[in-house]
Amino acid sequence: MNSPLEKLEVFPWNENLDTGIAVIDAQHRKLVSLLNQLAATLTRDSLLETNDIFTKLTQYAEFHFETEEAIWAEHLGDDSWLSSHQLSHSSFLPKVLELKESQATRSHTEVIESIILFLIRWLAFHILDGDKRMAFFIQHRHAGLSFDDAKIASDKKMSGSIRLVIETVMHMYDSLSSTTLELMRESHKRLAIEKELHKANKQLLKANLRLEALAITDQLTDLYNRRHFNNVFARELKRAKRDKAPLALIMLDIDHFKKINDQLGHSAGDRVLIQVGQKLKEICHRPGDFPFRLGGEEFCILAANLDHQGTAEFAEIIRKKIEDLNIPNQYMSTQQYLTVSIGCVTQIPGKADTIDSFMSIVDTRLYQAKEQGRNRVVCGA
């Protein structure tokens, strides 16, 4: 009968480690599973079993590296990001084998523990920093950004608060893995096991909550991001259909934003985006108002239970409040300050209505607002 200690995981998988690329995520999970199996052999002290799982892990790592590099190469070509990633892969197995060969001067248990601790930190950092960065790059490319802009956007997403979270998670995994290995060695101290596991789980929960918040937040403006927009829209659309209640979508685009970036630089553009984002958070104070940054200079608000007149009035408030920020914009011949164009739609959704059908209508109306001279709201009949 297996001991409860054998069910402990030195590397508990969390969905925030997912890159969004199915084959890579599946292989990462397999690597982590093999790592946990290797740790579990410490409770059985079987050198034969340990060596068997160690061999499986190293062979699967080589297979995974080949698969992953082919995917990155398809999108990155011969870019330095890929060569740096390949260098990291090439240094992995030599380091693991070096640790294993130290068995001549250390006990079997000490060697396996050192390998496990190295693998935990290497895998967690490799996934959170390297693989996540390149997955973001692919997402930005699919969103229409140029190669260089996609790299810049990915670097920006990996900087700042997400970097602090990576360090927090790395520290948490170091602490959790060390604690778990100690519990495996000291199985007779059940009270200590329960106490340490509770502490480790609290650390893990805290880190997961921070990662989950980052996963739905635009790092520049602190609004909800496009990923969360899709989830919230699907939920609210379902609710509106069930309750036969109106659902409003308001889309806004900063007028002449590209000229701000081109003439004043991306830092100035970022400051504008932050100011607009803060104003939208102030305006959207009802429980059913959800502000999002979809990307670039494009923002939207999803609002529940607003009829046509209410939506038009809300959209006009948004337009006026942003103009009242008095952000200088010398690129408009007719307006002294920065403005936005807005398209909106509100309706009680029918069975055939989808996110795409709402987006199609609101995109058309936003285009009409721009065609009619910008700094206006088009809500339709």
Protein backbone atom coordinates (compact mmCIF):
# COMPACT_ATOMS: atom_id res chain seq x y z
CA MET A 1 0.00 0.00 0.00
CA ASN A 2 1.39 3.38 -1.00
CA SER A 3 2.27 5.87 1.73
CA PRO A 4 0.39 9.20 1.70
CA LEU A 5 3.81 10.84 1.38
CA GLU A 6 4.22 9.33 -2.07
CA LYS A 7 1.29 11.43 -3.25
CA LEU A 8 3.07 14.68 -2.37
CA GLU A 9 4.22 16.76 -5.32
CA VAL A 10 7.47 18.69 -5.18
CA PHE A 11 6.30 20.59 -8.27
CA PRO A 12 2.50 21.15 -8.16
CA TRP A 13 1.31 22.16 -11.61
CA ASN A 14 -0.76 25.31 -11.98
CA GLU A 15 -2.68 26.42 -15.07
CA ASN A 16 -0.93 29.80 -14.93
CA LEU A 17 2.15 27.94 -16.18
CA ASP A 18 0.27 27.22 -19.44
CA THR A 19 1.61 29.03 -22.50
CA GLY A 20 -1.58 28.60 -24.51
CA ILE A 21 0.19 26.34 -27.02
CA ALA A 22 -1.40 22.92 -26.51
CA VAL A 23 1.48 20.63 -27.52
CA ILE A 24 4.02 22.57 -25.43
CA ASP A 25 1.74 22.70 -22.39
CA ALA A 26 1.07 18.95 -22.61
CA GLN A 27 4.81 18.23 -22.76
CA HIS A 28 5.55 20.56 -19.85
CA ARG A 29 2.97 18.69 -17.78
CA LYS A 30 4.60 15.38 -18.73
CA LEU A 31 8.03 16.68 -17.65
CA VAL A 32 6.61 17.85 -14.34
CA SER A 33 4.87 14.50 -13.83
CA LEU A 34 8.17 12.65 -14.37
CA LEU A 35 9.88 15.03 -11.95
CA ASN A 36 7.28 14.28 -9.27
CA GLN A 37 7.67 10.55 -9.94
CA LEU A 38 11.44 10.91 -9.48
CA ALA A 39 10.88 12.64 -6.13
CA ALA A 40 8.45 9.91 -5.04
CA THR A 41 11.18 7.26 -5.44
CA LEU A 42 12.95 8.79 -2.44
CA THR A 43 10.27 7.32 -0.17
CA ARG A 44 10.96 3.82 -1.54
CA ASP A 45 14.77 4.06 -1.71
CA SER A 46 14.94 1.99 -4.90
CA LEU A 47 18.05 2.78 -6.94
CA LEU A 48 16.79 0.73 -9.90
CA GLU A 49 13.44 2.56 -10.01
CA THR A 50 15.14 5.94 -9.57
CA ASN A 51 17.52 5.31 -12.48
CA ASP A 52 14.65 4.12 -14.68
CA ILE A 53 12.59 7.28 -14.11
CA PHE A 54 15.69 9.47 -14.40
CA THR A 55 16.37 7.97 -17.85
CA LYS A 56 12.76 8.52 -18.94
CA LEU A 57 12.92 12.11 -17.78
CA THR A 58 16.16 12.97 -19.60
CA GLN A 59 15.01 11.25 -22.81
CA TYR A 60 11.66 13.00 -22.73
CA ALA A 61 13.39 16.34 -22.08
CA GLU A 62 15.42 15.90 -25.28
CA PHE A 63 12.27 15.07 -27.24
CA HIS A 64 10.46 18.09 -25.77
CA PHE A 65 13.32 20.47 -26.59
CA GLU A 66 13.26 19.39 -30.25
CA THR A 67 9.49 19.85 -30.46
CA GLU A 68 9.53 23.21 -28.73
CA GLU A 69 12.42 24.62 -30.76
CA ALA A 70 10.66 23.68 -34.00
CA ILE A 71 7.59 25.66 -32.90
CA TRP A 72 9.59 28.72 -31.85
CA ALA A 73 11.69 28.54 -35.04
CA GLU A 74 8.55 28.62 -37.18
CA HIS A 75 7.69 32.04 -35.72
CA LEU A 76 11.10 33.48 -34.80
CA GLY A 77 13.35 32.22 -37.60
CA ASP A 78 16.99 32.82 -36.67
CA ASP A 79 16.25 35.56 -34.13
CA SER A 80 18.47 35.87 -31.05
CA TRP A 81 15.55 34.87 -28.82
CA LEU A 82 15.58 31.41 -30.36
CA SER A 83 19.36 30.98 -30.17
CA SER A 84 19.31 32.03 -26.51
CA HIS A 85 16.52 29.52 -25.83
CA GLN A 86 18.46 26.78 -27.63
CA LEU A 87 21.54 27.57 -25.54
CA SER A 88 19.47 27.14 -22.39
CA HIS A 89 18.22 23.79 -23.65
CA SER A 90 21.73 22.61 -24.56
CA SER A 91 23.05 23.39 -21.08
CA PHE A 92 20.23 21.50 -19.34
CA LEU A 93 21.26 17.85 -19.74
CA PRO A 94 25.00 18.40 -19.09
CA LYS A 95 24.15 20.05 -15.78
CA VAL A 96 21.78 17.24 -14.77
CA LEU A 97 24.36 14.59 -15.67
CA GLU A 98 27.04 16.51 -13.77
CA LEU A 99 24.88 16.41 -10.67
CA LYS A 100 24.20 12.70 -11.11
CA GLU A 101 27.91 11.89 -11.49
CA SER A 102 28.60 13.50 -8.12
CA GLN A 103 27.26 10.28 -6.58
CA ALA A 104 30.87 9.20 -6.03
CA THR A 105 31.24 11.76 -3.24
CA ARG A 106 27.65 11.99 -1.97
CA SER A 107 24.86 9.60 -1.03
CA HIS A 108 22.23 8.50 -3.54
CA THR A 109 19.53 10.45 -1.69
CA GLU A 110 21.57 13.67 -1.65
CA VAL A 111 22.28 13.39 -5.36
CA ILE A 112 18.63 12.85 -6.32
CA GLU A 113 17.52 15.71 -4.07
CA SER A 114 20.04 18.08 -5.67
CA ILE A 115 18.82 17.03 -9.14
CA ILE A 116 15.18 17.53 -8.14
CA LEU A 117 15.82 21.01 -6.71
CA PHE A 118 17.75 22.01 -9.85
CA LEU A 119 15.00 20.68 -12.13
CA ILE A 120 12.24 22.48 -10.22
CA ARG A 121 13.91 25.86 -10.44
CA TRP A 122 15.09 25.36 -14.03
CA LEU A 123 11.69 24.21 -15.30
CA ALA A 124 9.66 26.86 -13.45
CA PHE A 125 11.89 29.72 -14.59
CA HIS A 126 12.23 28.33 -18.13
CA ILE A 127 8.44 28.13 -18.50
CA LEU A 128 7.50 31.36 -16.71
CA ASP A 129 10.19 33.52 -18.29
CA GLY A 130 11.37 31.96 -21.56
CA ASP A 131 8.41 30.03 -22.90
CA LYS A 132 5.82 32.57 -21.71
CA ARG A 133 7.72 35.39 -23.39
CA MET A 134 7.75 33.62 -26.77
CA ALA A 135 4.11 32.56 -26.40
CA PHE A 136 3.21 36.22 -25.85
CA PHE A 137 5.22 37.06 -28.98
CA ILE A 138 3.16 34.62 -31.06
CA GLN A 139 -0.08 36.04 -29.61
CA HIS A 140 0.99 39.57 -30.54
CA ARG A 141 1.93 38.45 -34.05
CA HIS A 142 -1.49 36.83 -34.48
CA ALA A 143 -2.99 40.11 -33.27
CA GLY A 144 -1.33 41.87 -36.21
CA LEU A 145 1.78 43.41 -34.66
CA SER A 146 5.00 43.55 -36.66
CA PHE A 147 7.88 41.25 -35.70
CA ASP A 148 9.79 43.96 -33.78
CA ASP A 149 6.66 45.43 -32.17
CA ALA A 150 5.60 41.95 -31.05
CA LYS A 151 8.97 41.48 -29.35
CA ILE A 152 8.71 44.87 -27.66
CA ALA A 153 5.16 44.15 -26.51
CA SER A 154 6.19 40.74 -25.16
CA ASP A 155 9.16 42.22 -23.29
CA LYS A 156 6.90 44.90 -21.84
CA LYS A 157 4.39 42.28 -20.70
CA MET A 158 7.19 40.33 -19.01
CA SER A 159 8.53 43.39 -17.18
CA GLY A 160 7.29 45.26 -14.14
CA SER A 161 4.72 43.59 -11.93
CA ILE A 162 4.80 40.24 -13.74
CA ARG A 163 8.56 40.05 -13.08
CA LEU A 164 7.88 40.47 -9.36
CA VAL A 165 5.31 37.68 -9.53
CA ILE A 166 7.80 35.40 -11.31
CA GLU A 167 10.30 35.98 -8.52
CA THR A 168 7.59 35.36 -5.92
CA VAL A 169 6.58 32.11 -7.58
CA MET A 170 10.21 31.01 -7.93
CA HIS A 171 10.79 31.63 -4.23
CA MET A 172 7.57 29.81 -3.43
CA TYR A 173 8.57 26.77 -5.49
CA ASP A 174 12.03 26.73 -3.87
CA SER A 175 10.46 26.82 -0.43
CA LEU A 176 7.71 24.35 -1.27
CA SER A 177 10.00 21.81 -2.93
CA SER A 178 12.55 21.92 -0.11
CA THR A 179 9.79 21.53 2.44
CA THR A 180 8.27 18.61 0.57
CA LEU A 181 11.59 16.77 0.29
CA GLU A 182 12.16 17.25 4.00
CA LEU A 183 8.71 15.82 4.70
CA MET A 184 9.56 12.79 2.60
CA ARG A 185 12.72 12.21 4.64
CA GLU A 186 10.96 12.66 7.98
CA SER A 187 7.75 10.71 7.44
CA HIS A 188 7.44 9.87 11.13
CA LYS A 189 6.88 13.52 12.11
CA ARG A 190 3.22 13.72 11.12
CA LEU A 191 2.50 16.90 13.06
CA ALA A 192 5.41 18.65 11.39
CA ILE A 193 4.18 17.39 8.01
CA GLU A 194 0.72 18.87 8.48
CA LYS A 195 2.08 22.20 9.72
CA GLU A 196 4.60 22.62 6.91
CA LEU A 197 2.14 21.54 4.23
CA HIS A 198 -0.41 24.06 5.46
CA LYS A 199 2.19 26.81 5.28
CA ALA A 200 3.33 25.74 1.83
CA ASN A 201 -0.24 25.57 0.53
CA LYS A 202 -0.94 29.09 1.81
CA GLN A 203 2.16 30.33 -0.03
CA LEU A 204 1.04 28.52 -3.16
CA LEU A 205 -2.51 29.92 -2.91
CA LYS A 206 -1.20 33.47 -2.45
CA ALA A 207 1.08 33.17 -5.49
CA ASN A 208 -1.69 31.62 -7.57
CA LEU A 209 -4.08 34.45 -6.70
CA ARG A 210 -1.50 37.00 -7.85
CA LEU A 211 -0.90 35.08 -11.06
CA GLU A 212 -4.63 34.78 -11.72
CA ALA A 213 -5.06 38.54 -11.25
CA LEU A 214 -2.24 39.20 -13.70
CA ALA A 215 -3.70 36.75 -16.18
CA ILE A 216 -6.83 38.90 -16.62
CA THR A 217 -5.22 42.35 -16.31
CA ASP A 218 -3.64 44.61 -18.91
CA GLN A 219 -0.26 45.43 -17.36
CA LEU A 220 -0.05 49.00 -18.68
CA THR A 221 -3.51 50.38 -17.85
CA ASP A 222 -4.59 47.97 -15.08
CA LEU A 223 -7.89 47.42 -16.92
CA TYR A 224 -9.16 43.96 -17.78
CA ASN A 225 -7.44 42.48 -20.86
CA ARG A 226 -8.78 40.89 -24.06
CA ARG A 227 -8.57 37.39 -22.63
CA HIS A 228 -10.86 38.35 -19.76
CA PHE A 229 -13.09 40.30 -22.16
CA ASN A 230 -13.89 37.09 -24.03
CA ASN A 231 -14.72 35.28 -20.78
CA VAL A 232 -16.87 38.09 -19.33
CA PHE A 233 -18.68 38.67 -22.62
CA ALA A 234 -19.57 34.98 -22.91
CA ARG A 235 -20.89 34.97 -19.34
CA GLU A 236 -22.86 38.21 -19.68
CA LEU A 237 -24.27 37.20 -23.08
CA LYS A 238 -25.56 33.97 -21.60
CA ARG A 239 -27.10 35.84 -18.66
CA ALA A 240 -28.75 38.45 -20.93
CA LYS A 241 -30.26 35.73 -23.12
CA ARG A 242 -31.59 33.89 -20.09
CA ASP A 243 -33.05 37.01 -18.45
CA LYS A 244 -34.11 38.64 -21.74
CA ALA A 245 -32.22 41.75 -20.61
CA PRO A 246 -30.33 44.29 -22.75
CA LEU A 247 -26.55 44.07 -23.09
CA ALA A 248 -24.49 47.04 -24.27
CA LEU A 249 -21.06 47.08 -25.89
CA ILE A 250 -19.23 50.41 -26.19
CA MET A 251 -16.03 50.53 -28.25
CA LEU A 252 -13.71 53.54 -28.25
CA ASP A 253 -10.55 54.37 -30.15
CA ILE A 254 -8.15 57.25 -29.37
CA ASP A 255 -8.11 59.71 -32.26
CA HIS A 256 -4.74 60.12 -34.06
CA PHE A 257 -2.97 57.95 -31.49
CA LYS A 258 -0.44 56.68 -34.04
CA LYS A 259 0.77 60.24 -34.58
CA ILE A 260 1.40 60.61 -30.86
CA ASN A 261 3.54 57.47 -30.87
CA ASP A 262 5.36 58.46 -34.07
CA GLN A 263 6.09 62.06 -33.06
CA LEU A 264 6.50 61.87 -29.28
CA GLY A 265 7.53 58.26 -28.77
CA HIS A 266 5.95 55.19 -27.19
CA SER A 267 6.53 56.47 -23.64
CA ALA A 268 4.28 59.43 -24.33
CA GLY A 269 1.76 57.10 -25.94
CA ASP A 270 1.84 54.84 -22.89
CA ARG A 271 1.14 57.81 -20.60
CA VAL A 272 -1.92 58.66 -22.68
CA LEU A 273 -3.17 55.06 -22.51
CA ILE A 274 -2.72 55.03 -18.73
CA GLN A 275 -4.69 58.28 -18.31
CA VAL A 276 -7.53 57.03 -20.49
CA GLY A 277 -7.58 53.72 -18.63
CA GLN A 278 -7.75 55.44 -15.24
CA LYS A 279 -10.63 57.62 -16.41
CA LEU A 280 -12.57 54.59 -17.68
CA LYS A 281 -12.15 52.88 -14.29
CA GLU A 282 -13.56 55.99 -12.60
CA ILE A 283 -16.55 56.19 -14.95
CA CYS A 284 -17.45 52.49 -14.83
CA HIS A 285 -18.63 52.38 -11.22
CA ARG A 286 -21.80 50.26 -11.60
CA PRO A 287 -21.46 46.54 -10.69
CA GLY A 288 -22.49 45.65 -14.26
CA ASP A 289 -19.90 47.89 -15.99
CA PHE A 290 -16.71 46.17 -17.19
CA PRO A 291 -13.92 48.27 -18.78
CA PHE A 292 -11.29 46.56 -20.95
CA ARG A 293 -8.23 47.44 -23.00
CA LEU A 294 -8.37 45.22 -26.06
CA GLY A 295 -4.98 46.25 -27.40
CA GLY A 296 -3.18 49.27 -28.81
CA GLU A 297 -5.39 52.35 -28.44
CA GLU A 298 -8.63 50.34 -28.47
CA PHE A 299 -10.80 50.16 -25.34
CA CYS A 300 -14.30 48.89 -24.67
CA ILE A 301 -16.95 48.76 -21.97
CA LEU A 302 -19.43 45.95 -21.51
CA ALA A 303 -22.51 47.18 -19.64
CA ALA A 304 -25.51 45.19 -18.43
CA ASN A 305 -29.12 46.40 -18.38
CA LEU A 306 -28.68 49.58 -20.44
CA ASP A 307 -31.32 50.44 -23.04
CA HIS A 308 -30.54 52.38 -26.23
CA GLN A 309 -30.95 55.84 -24.67
CA GLY A 310 -28.97 54.88 -21.58
CA THR A 311 -26.15 53.46 -23.70
CA ALA A 312 -25.99 56.57 -25.90
CA GLU A 313 -25.90 58.82 -22.82
CA PHE A 314 -23.23 56.68 -21.14
CA ALA A 315 -21.09 56.71 -24.30
CA GLU A 316 -21.40 60.51 -24.54
CA ILE A 317 -20.31 60.84 -20.89
CA ILE A 318 -17.24 58.74 -21.67
CA ARG A 319 -16.40 60.84 -24.74
CA LYS A 320 -16.76 64.11 -22.83
CA LYS A 321 -14.87 62.93 -19.71
CA ILE A 322 -11.87 61.88 -21.80
CA GLU A 323 -11.88 65.15 -23.72
CA ASP A 324 -12.05 66.94 -20.34
CA LEU A 325 -8.74 65.33 -19.36
CA ASN A 326 -7.27 68.18 -21.44
CA ILE A 327 -4.45 66.04 -22.82
CA PRO A 328 -2.77 68.27 -25.45
CA ASN A 329 -3.04 66.88 -28.98
CA GLN A 330 -1.55 69.11 -31.64
CA TYR A 331 -2.26 66.54 -34.34
CA MET A 332 -5.96 67.40 -34.60
CA SER A 333 -6.78 70.49 -36.62
CA THR A 334 -10.23 70.90 -35.08
CA GLN A 335 -9.65 69.96 -31.44
CA GLN A 336 -7.09 71.30 -28.99
CA TYR A 337 -7.16 68.24 -26.75
CA LEU A 338 -7.06 64.49 -27.20
CA THR A 339 -10.41 62.91 -28.11
CA VAL A 340 -11.93 59.51 -28.78
CA SER A 341 -14.31 58.10 -31.35
CA ILE A 342 -16.99 55.73 -30.05
CA GLY A 343 -19.23 53.09 -31.57
CA CYS A 344 -21.82 51.25 -29.50
CA VAL A 345 -24.65 48.77 -29.64
CA THR A 346 -27.26 47.64 -27.13
CA GLN A 347 -29.90 44.97 -27.56
CA ILE A 348 -31.60 42.03 -25.94
CA PRO A 349 -29.61 39.21 -27.50
CA GLY A 350 -31.40 36.46 -29.37
CA LYS A 351 -30.33 32.84 -29.75
CA ALA A 352 -28.20 33.61 -32.82
CA ASP A 353 -26.30 36.52 -31.25
CA THR A 354 -22.66 35.97 -30.42
CA ILE A 355 -19.62 37.95 -29.37
CA ASP A 356 -18.71 38.21 -33.07
CA SER A 357 -22.12 39.59 -34.05
CA PHE A 358 -21.90 42.30 -31.38
CA MET A 359 -18.32 43.11 -32.38
CA SER A 360 -19.24 43.36 -36.05
CA ILE A 361 -21.94 45.95 -35.34
CA VAL A 362 -19.83 48.00 -32.96
CA ASP A 363 -16.81 47.96 -35.31
CA THR A 364 -18.97 49.33 -38.12
CA ARG A 365 -20.28 52.13 -35.91
CA LEU A 366 -16.82 52.99 -34.64
CA TYR A 367 -15.68 53.26 -38.26
CA GLN A 368 -18.64 55.54 -38.98
CA ALA A 369 -17.69 57.79 -36.06
CA LYS A 370 -14.21 58.18 -37.51
CA GLU A 371 -15.51 58.76 -41.03
CA GLN A 372 -17.84 61.48 -39.75
CA GLY A 373 -14.96 63.50 -38.32
CA ARG A 374 -13.96 61.70 -35.07
CA ASN A 375 -14.67 62.88 -31.49
CA ARG A 376 -18.23 61.61 -31.65
CA VAL A 377 -20.53 58.73 -30.69
CA VAL A 378 -22.40 56.53 -33.17
CA CYS A 379 -24.98 54.28 -31.56
CA GLY A 380 -27.24 53.48 -34.46
CA ALA A 381 -31.02 53.73 -34.64
